[in-house]
Amino acid sequence: MNILFSSLSGHDMTQSTHYLRVLQRMGHQVFRFAVPGDDTLVEDGRFVEPGYSPFTTLTSIVRQARFEPDLFLYIEPGGLIPLGMEESPFPTVCILCDTHQDLTARLNLARFFDHVFLYHRNYADRFKEHPAGHVHWLPYACDLELFYPRPVPRDLDVAFVGKLMINTDRKRILNETSRRWKVNEQRFYHQAEIPEVYSRAKIVLNMPLADDLNFRTFEAMSCGAMLLTRRVANGQEILFQEGKHLVTFDTEQELFEKLEYYLAHSEEREAIAAAGYAEIQKNHNLEQRIEKLLQTVQEKPQGAAPLRRVSAPQVDYQYAWLYEWWKLLDPALTVVAHARRAGRPWLHLLPPALRTLARRIKNKI
């Protein structure tokens, strides 16, 4: 299959790198493109690649790809949404991951696409603008050629990989855990580093920010560690059996009690870790998820994006919203100018541009 693939520029913190690698390994022809990387990434010493202007059209992307696309795939976060999505002659697809943090933005973002795939099952019924059969739950899964048990000693009692500064409960719990047991260093980890951390861990502790079924759920089990995660009805209970594939907790007290118990009972811990690993190997690899996505789209290839059904002024406004969300002032103002030159209504496009301008001024003060 020929796939246009939109993802974040040169960024290590997004799952799109795994999708790209697996799609190519499966034999699909992929043309990947992005917007230019953010300056803050350069300041952090990370690789940033050249990208396309936000005003790039879908037609231009197709010319650059030099093949007839079968599919447009956008994986959040980041990526480029080119102009002309409402006229795409092939299906457009997005995978959204942060519905638990900013649902309103993801509802707006979904309007650009014919098919919407969500990591989080408990938000699927909120996407009401698409016809039936075009919003899907597609849980995350690992590339098992990257996430697998490394041949290293399990010399960590507990491992945790995640941001601490945005969640004081996490930080407090990790501080107490580190006081009582051996825990990995708390810092930023590149994707390629995480499998070894989890392979060294007897238990991987997962503290989701909200009710999300996050990456650690799958990555920990893929590396042969026992997963201890919050008990949430988010699809986790459908995919895995509590006490067999993983261990869960409700309260902080229960969390510490189970850490203490399973660190002291190695046979039980290792049996759960082995069952979780086997379940991941059988039912939760990224190739299976991608095959499911492609099959689903092929069964309903017709254009269903809400953007396809609205007027040109409404299309203008959707892109104006997008540029405001991306915090891009020049594109937001250019949408206004383009609408004026085309003789279309433009006053409704000013608020997003002015809000973007106000944010830029505030950030400089």
Protein backbone atom coordinates (compact mmCIF):
# COMPACT_ATOMS: atom_id res chain seq x y z
CA MET A 1 0.00 0.00 0.00
CA ASN A 2 1.18 3.56 -0.74
CA ILE A 3 0.89 5.70 2.39
CA LEU A 4 1.37 9.42 3.03
CA PHE A 5 2.62 9.55 6.61
CA SER A 6 2.46 12.76 8.65
CA SER A 7 4.33 12.88 11.96
CA LEU A 8 6.33 15.12 14.25
CA SER A 9 9.71 16.34 13.07
CA GLY A 10 12.72 14.34 14.25
CA HIS A 11 11.16 13.69 17.65
CA ASP A 12 11.94 10.76 19.90
CA MET A 13 8.93 11.12 22.20
CA THR A 14 6.24 10.00 19.77
CA GLN A 15 5.02 6.56 18.79
CA SER A 16 5.03 7.57 15.12
CA THR A 17 8.66 6.43 14.88
CA HIS A 18 7.50 2.89 15.66
CA TYR A 19 4.63 3.01 13.18
CA LEU A 20 6.93 4.19 10.42
CA ARG A 21 9.48 1.45 11.07
CA VAL A 22 6.86 -1.31 11.21
CA LEU A 23 4.94 -0.08 8.14
CA GLN A 24 8.13 -0.20 6.11
CA ARG A 25 9.04 -3.60 7.52
CA MET A 26 5.61 -4.87 6.46
CA GLY A 27 6.43 -3.86 2.88
CA HIS A 28 4.34 -0.70 2.55
CA GLN A 29 5.69 2.25 0.58
CA VAL A 30 5.67 5.23 2.91
CA PHE A 31 6.31 8.90 2.20
CA ARG A 32 6.87 10.63 5.54
CA PHE A 33 6.64 14.40 5.94
CA ALA A 34 6.48 16.89 8.78
CA VAL A 35 6.49 20.54 9.71
CA PRO A 36 9.86 22.00 10.75
CA GLY A 37 10.97 21.05 14.24
CA ASP A 38 10.41 23.42 17.14
CA ASP A 39 13.34 25.61 18.21
CA THR A 40 13.12 24.24 21.74
CA LEU A 41 14.11 20.81 20.41
CA VAL A 42 17.30 22.29 18.99
CA GLU A 43 18.01 23.97 22.31
CA ASP A 44 17.61 20.58 24.03
CA GLY A 45 20.20 19.12 21.67
CA ARG A 46 17.78 16.88 19.81
CA PHE A 47 17.78 16.13 16.12
CA VAL A 48 15.45 18.36 14.11
CA GLU A 49 14.85 17.77 10.42
CA PRO A 50 13.71 20.22 7.74
CA GLY A 51 9.97 20.27 7.22
CA TYR A 52 7.19 21.57 5.02
CA SER A 53 5.39 24.89 5.38
CA PRO A 54 1.96 24.76 7.07
CA PHE A 55 0.60 26.11 3.75
CA THR A 56 1.73 23.07 1.79
CA THR A 57 -1.17 21.55 -0.13
CA LEU A 58 -2.10 17.92 -0.20
CA THR A 59 -1.60 17.99 -3.97
CA SER A 60 2.00 19.14 -3.45
CA ILE A 61 2.65 16.33 -0.99
CA VAL A 62 1.38 13.81 -3.51
CA ARG A 63 3.73 15.22 -6.15
CA GLN A 64 6.64 14.93 -3.72
CA ALA A 65 5.73 11.33 -2.89
CA ARG A 66 5.82 10.32 -6.57
CA PHE A 67 3.21 7.63 -6.15
CA GLU A 68 -0.56 7.40 -6.14
CA PRO A 69 -1.49 7.28 -2.44
CA ASP A 70 -3.91 4.75 -1.03
CA LEU A 71 -4.04 6.40 2.36
CA PHE A 72 -3.13 9.54 4.33
CA LEU A 73 -2.09 8.70 7.90
CA TYR A 74 -1.61 11.33 10.62
CA ILE A 75 -0.27 10.24 13.99
CA GLU A 76 -0.58 12.56 16.92
CA PRO A 77 1.24 14.48 18.31
CA GLY A 78 2.53 16.94 15.74
CA GLY A 79 2.72 16.34 12.05
CA LEU A 80 1.48 18.40 9.13
CA ILE A 81 -2.15 18.69 8.07
CA PRO A 82 -1.85 20.15 4.56
CA LEU A 83 -4.36 22.37 2.84
CA GLY A 84 -7.00 20.61 0.79
CA MET A 85 -7.83 17.74 3.13
CA GLU A 86 -11.52 18.26 2.39
CA GLU A 87 -10.91 17.28 -1.26
CA SER A 88 -8.64 14.28 -0.72
CA PRO A 89 -9.33 11.60 -3.38
CA PHE A 90 -8.13 8.88 -0.96
CA PRO A 91 -9.07 8.04 2.63
CA THR A 92 -7.59 10.18 5.39
CA VAL A 93 -6.87 8.64 8.80
CA CYS A 94 -5.72 9.91 12.18
CA ILE A 95 -4.54 8.19 15.34
CA LEU A 96 -5.24 10.34 18.40
CA CYS A 97 -3.58 9.74 21.75
CA ASP A 98 -4.34 12.62 24.12
CA THR A 99 -8.13 12.60 24.33
CA HIS A 100 -7.83 12.32 28.13
CA GLN A 101 -5.94 15.63 28.33
CA ASP A 102 -7.70 17.91 25.84
CA LEU A 103 -10.77 16.27 24.36
CA THR A 104 -12.09 19.47 22.73
CA ALA A 105 -8.94 19.88 20.64
CA ARG A 106 -9.09 16.24 19.52
CA LEU A 107 -12.75 16.60 18.52
CA ASN A 108 -11.73 19.55 16.34
CA LEU A 109 -8.72 17.72 14.96
CA ALA A 110 -10.83 14.70 14.02
CA ARG A 111 -12.89 16.82 11.60
CA PHE A 112 -10.06 16.71 9.07
CA PHE A 113 -10.14 12.90 8.76
CA ASP A 114 -12.38 10.18 7.36
CA HIS A 115 -11.41 7.60 9.98
CA VAL A 116 -10.50 8.33 13.59
CA PHE A 117 -8.58 5.75 15.65
CA LEU A 118 -8.33 6.31 19.41
CA TYR A 119 -6.01 4.73 21.95
CA HIS A 120 -8.60 5.35 24.64
CA ARG A 121 -11.80 3.32 24.37
CA ASN A 122 -13.76 5.39 26.88
CA TYR A 123 -13.76 8.46 24.60
CA ALA A 124 -14.96 6.88 21.36
CA ASP A 125 -18.62 7.77 21.93
CA ARG A 126 -17.73 11.47 22.21
CA PHE A 127 -16.83 11.69 18.51
CA LYS A 128 -20.35 12.16 17.18
CA GLU A 129 -19.71 14.07 13.92
CA HIS A 130 -18.55 10.99 12.01
CA PRO A 131 -20.96 8.39 10.65
CA ALA A 132 -21.13 4.96 12.23
CA GLY A 133 -18.13 2.79 11.51
CA HIS A 134 -15.63 5.64 11.21
CA VAL A 135 -14.51 6.08 14.84
CA HIS A 136 -12.56 3.15 16.27
CA TRP A 137 -10.79 1.99 19.40
CA LEU A 138 -7.27 0.90 18.50
CA PRO A 139 -5.16 0.36 21.63
CA TYR A 140 -1.48 1.07 21.54
CA ALA A 141 0.90 -1.82 20.86
CA CYS A 142 4.66 -2.25 20.72
CA ASP A 143 7.11 -2.98 18.00
CA LEU A 144 8.33 -6.25 19.47
CA GLU A 145 11.61 -5.98 17.59
CA LEU A 146 12.43 -3.02 19.83
CA PHE A 147 10.51 -3.83 23.01
CA TYR A 148 11.68 -7.23 24.20
CA PRO A 149 13.48 -8.55 27.32
CA ARG A 150 17.14 -7.62 27.19
CA PRO A 151 19.70 -10.13 28.52
CA VAL A 152 20.48 -8.09 31.64
CA PRO A 153 20.02 -8.82 35.36
CA ARG A 154 16.74 -7.69 36.89
CA ASP A 155 18.57 -5.55 39.41
CA LEU A 156 15.86 -2.90 39.81
CA ASP A 157 13.04 -3.55 42.24
CA VAL A 158 10.81 -0.98 40.57
CA ALA A 159 11.04 0.99 37.33
CA PHE A 160 9.07 4.07 36.38
CA VAL A 161 9.43 6.12 33.20
CA GLY A 162 7.35 9.27 32.94
CA LYS A 163 7.10 12.95 33.74
CA LEU A 164 7.15 13.88 37.42
CA MET A 165 7.00 17.67 37.29
CA ILE A 166 3.42 17.72 36.00
CA ASN A 167 2.03 15.46 38.71
CA THR A 168 2.92 15.99 42.35
CA ASP A 169 1.30 12.70 43.41
CA ARG A 170 3.58 10.83 41.06
CA LYS A 171 6.62 12.59 42.45
CA ARG A 172 5.65 11.96 46.05
CA ILE A 173 4.94 8.27 45.41
CA LEU A 174 8.22 7.85 43.50
CA ASN A 175 10.14 9.52 46.30
CA GLU A 176 8.68 7.09 48.82
CA THR A 177 9.23 4.13 46.49
CA SER A 178 12.85 5.14 45.97
CA ARG A 179 13.35 5.42 49.71
CA ARG A 180 12.18 1.83 50.27
CA TRP A 181 13.38 0.02 47.13
CA LYS A 182 15.87 0.27 44.30
CA VAL A 183 14.40 2.40 41.48
CA ASN A 184 15.81 3.60 38.16
CA GLU A 185 17.13 7.12 37.79
CA GLN A 186 14.32 9.59 37.11
CA ARG A 187 15.21 11.46 33.93
CA PHE A 188 14.18 11.73 30.29
CA TYR A 189 14.65 8.42 28.47
CA HIS A 190 14.91 8.05 24.70
CA GLN A 191 12.71 5.38 23.18
CA ALA A 192 15.67 3.08 22.56
CA GLU A 193 16.66 3.27 26.26
CA ILE A 194 13.32 2.26 27.74
CA PRO A 195 13.44 -1.49 26.92
CA GLU A 196 16.62 -1.97 28.93
CA VAL A 197 15.19 -0.08 31.91
CA TYR A 198 12.10 -2.30 31.89
CA SER A 199 14.21 -5.42 31.33
CA ARG A 200 16.13 -4.60 34.51
CA ALA A 201 12.93 -4.19 36.54
CA LYS A 202 11.15 -6.77 38.64
CA ILE A 203 8.07 -4.52 38.65
CA VAL A 204 7.18 -1.61 36.38
CA LEU A 205 4.97 0.91 38.14
CA ASN A 206 2.45 2.74 35.97
CA MET A 207 0.56 5.78 37.23
CA PRO A 208 -1.63 7.07 34.39
CA LEU A 209 -2.32 10.79 34.42
CA ALA A 210 -6.05 10.25 34.03
CA ASP A 211 -8.13 7.33 32.76
CA ASP A 212 -5.83 6.60 29.86
CA LEU A 213 -4.57 3.22 28.68
CA ASN A 214 -1.04 4.37 28.08
CA PHE A 215 2.11 3.10 26.39
CA ARG A 216 3.75 1.80 29.58
CA THR A 217 0.98 -0.77 29.94
CA PHE A 218 2.18 -2.58 26.83
CA GLU A 219 5.88 -1.71 26.92
CA ALA A 220 6.42 -3.05 30.44
CA MET A 221 4.88 -6.44 29.68
CA SER A 222 6.71 -6.59 26.34
CA CYS A 223 9.99 -6.49 28.29
CA GLY A 224 9.04 -9.27 30.67
CA ALA A 225 8.45 -7.19 33.80
CA MET A 226 5.42 -7.50 36.05
CA LEU A 227 3.18 -4.47 35.53
CA LEU A 228 1.55 -2.74 38.50
CA THR A 229 -0.92 -0.18 37.21
CA ARG A 230 -4.00 1.71 38.33
CA ARG A 231 -7.30 -0.14 38.10
CA VAL A 232 -9.24 1.80 35.43
CA ALA A 233 -12.17 0.71 33.27
CA ASN A 234 -10.63 2.00 30.04
CA GLY A 235 -10.40 -1.22 28.03
CA GLN A 236 -7.53 -2.56 30.12
CA GLU A 237 -10.00 -4.98 31.73
CA ILE A 238 -10.98 -6.24 28.26
CA LEU A 239 -7.45 -6.80 26.98
CA PHE A 240 -5.88 -8.24 30.13
CA GLN A 241 -6.94 -10.30 33.12
CA GLU A 242 -6.16 -8.78 36.50
CA GLY A 243 -4.01 -11.04 38.62
CA LYS A 244 -3.02 -13.12 35.61
CA HIS A 245 -1.40 -10.71 33.11
CA LEU A 246 -0.92 -7.69 35.38
CA VAL A 247 -1.60 -6.38 38.89
CA THR A 248 -3.70 -3.31 39.66
CA PHE A 249 -4.32 -0.90 42.52
CA ASP A 250 -6.92 1.70 43.51
CA THR A 251 -5.33 3.51 46.42
CA GLU A 252 -1.83 4.59 47.34
CA GLN A 253 -1.91 2.22 50.30
CA GLU A 254 -2.80 -0.69 47.99
CA LEU A 255 0.02 0.32 45.64
CA PHE A 256 2.65 0.06 48.38
CA GLU A 257 1.15 -3.11 49.80
CA LYS A 258 1.33 -4.82 46.41
CA LEU A 259 4.85 -3.60 45.73
CA GLU A 260 5.93 -5.09 49.05
CA TYR A 261 4.03 -8.34 48.50
CA TYR A 262 5.18 -9.10 44.96
CA LEU A 263 8.78 -8.13 45.63
CA ALA A 264 8.72 -10.64 48.48
CA HIS A 265 6.96 -13.38 46.44
CA SER A 266 9.13 -13.82 43.38
CA GLU A 267 7.41 -16.95 42.04
CA GLU A 268 4.01 -15.25 41.87
CA ARG A 269 5.53 -12.10 40.41
CA GLU A 270 7.46 -13.97 37.73
CA ALA A 271 4.39 -16.05 36.79
CA ILE A 272 2.32 -12.89 36.21
CA ALA A 273 5.17 -11.28 34.27
CA ALA A 274 5.48 -14.39 32.07
CA ALA A 275 1.73 -14.51 31.41
CA GLY A 276 1.67 -10.81 30.52
CA TYR A 277 4.62 -11.25 28.18
CA ALA A 278 2.96 -14.21 26.45
CA GLU A 279 -0.29 -12.28 26.01
CA ILE A 280 1.56 -9.35 24.44
CA GLN A 281 3.40 -11.68 22.08
CA LYS A 282 0.16 -13.34 20.98
CA ASN A 283 -2.29 -10.45 20.70
CA HIS A 284 -0.66 -7.04 21.07
CA ASN A 285 2.07 -6.33 18.57
CA LEU A 286 2.15 -3.30 16.31
CA GLU A 287 1.90 -5.34 13.11
CA GLN A 288 -1.50 -6.62 14.27
CA ARG A 289 -2.71 -3.12 15.06
CA ILE A 290 -1.60 -1.78 11.69
CA GLU A 291 -3.24 -4.65 9.82
CA LYS A 292 -6.48 -3.96 11.71
CA LEU A 293 -6.30 -0.25 10.83
CA LEU A 294 -5.69 -0.87 7.14
CA GLN A 295 -8.41 -3.51 6.92
CA THR A 296 -10.91 -1.23 8.64
CA VAL A 297 -10.22 1.63 6.23
CA GLN A 298 -10.35 -0.63 3.18
CA GLU A 299 -13.80 -1.85 4.25
CA LYS A 300 -15.10 1.74 4.39
CA PRO A 301 -12.94 3.86 2.09
CA GLN A 302 -15.55 6.52 1.38
CA GLY A 303 -14.92 10.09 2.51
CA ALA A 304 -16.55 10.68 5.89
CA ALA A 305 -14.55 13.59 7.29
CA PRO A 306 -16.84 16.32 8.63
CA LEU A 307 -14.62 18.82 6.79
CA ARG A 308 -15.81 17.36 3.48
CA ARG A 309 -19.42 18.34 4.25
CA VAL A 310 -19.05 22.01 5.15
CA SER A 311 -18.84 25.26 3.20
CA ALA A 312 -15.60 26.93 2.11
CA PRO A 313 -15.83 29.58 4.91
CA GLN A 314 -16.19 26.77 7.44
CA VAL A 315 -13.14 25.03 5.96
CA ASP A 316 -11.24 28.32 6.33
CA TYR A 317 -12.26 28.50 9.98
CA GLN A 318 -11.16 24.93 10.66
CA TYR A 319 -7.67 25.72 9.37
CA ALA A 320 -7.68 29.00 11.33
CA TRP A 321 -8.42 26.97 14.47
CA LEU A 322 -5.63 24.54 13.58
CA TYR A 323 -3.04 27.30 13.25
CA GLU A 324 -4.16 28.83 16.52
CA TRP A 325 -3.81 25.42 18.19
CA TRP A 326 -0.34 25.12 16.70
CA LYS A 327 0.43 28.68 17.96
CA LEU A 328 1.36 29.81 14.45
CA LEU A 329 0.63 33.51 13.87
CA ASP A 330 1.67 33.98 10.24
CA PRO A 331 -0.47 31.08 8.94
CA ALA A 332 -3.43 32.30 11.00
CA LEU A 333 -3.18 35.77 9.43
CA THR A 334 -2.62 34.32 5.97
CA VAL A 335 -5.88 32.37 6.16
CA VAL A 336 -7.65 35.69 6.70
CA ALA A 337 -5.86 37.27 3.73
CA HIS A 338 -6.59 34.32 1.43
CA ALA A 339 -10.28 34.38 2.29
CA ARG A 340 -10.48 38.13 1.59
CA ARG A 341 -8.77 37.79 -1.78
CA ALA A 342 -11.10 34.92 -2.71
CA GLY A 343 -14.15 37.04 -1.85
CA ARG A 344 -15.18 34.71 0.99
CA PRO A 345 -16.30 35.80 4.48
CA TRP A 346 -13.28 36.51 6.65
CA LEU A 347 -14.32 38.36 9.80
CA HIS A 348 -15.01 35.04 11.58
CA LEU A 349 -11.34 34.15 11.00
CA LEU A 350 -9.99 37.11 12.98
CA PRO A 351 -10.55 35.81 16.54
CA PRO A 352 -8.21 32.78 16.17
CA ALA A 353 -5.54 35.01 14.63
CA LEU A 354 -5.93 37.68 17.32
CA ARG A 355 -5.78 35.10 20.11
CA THR A 356 -2.57 33.76 18.59
CA LEU A 357 -1.16 37.29 18.40
CA ALA A 358 -2.11 37.96 22.02
CA ARG A 359 -0.41 34.75 23.14
CA ARG A 360 2.77 35.68 21.28
CA ILE A 361 2.83 39.17 22.85
CA LYS A 362 2.22 37.69 26.31
CA ASN A 363 5.08 35.22 25.89
CA LYS A 364 7.48 38.06 24.98
CA ILE A 365 6.57 40.17 27.98
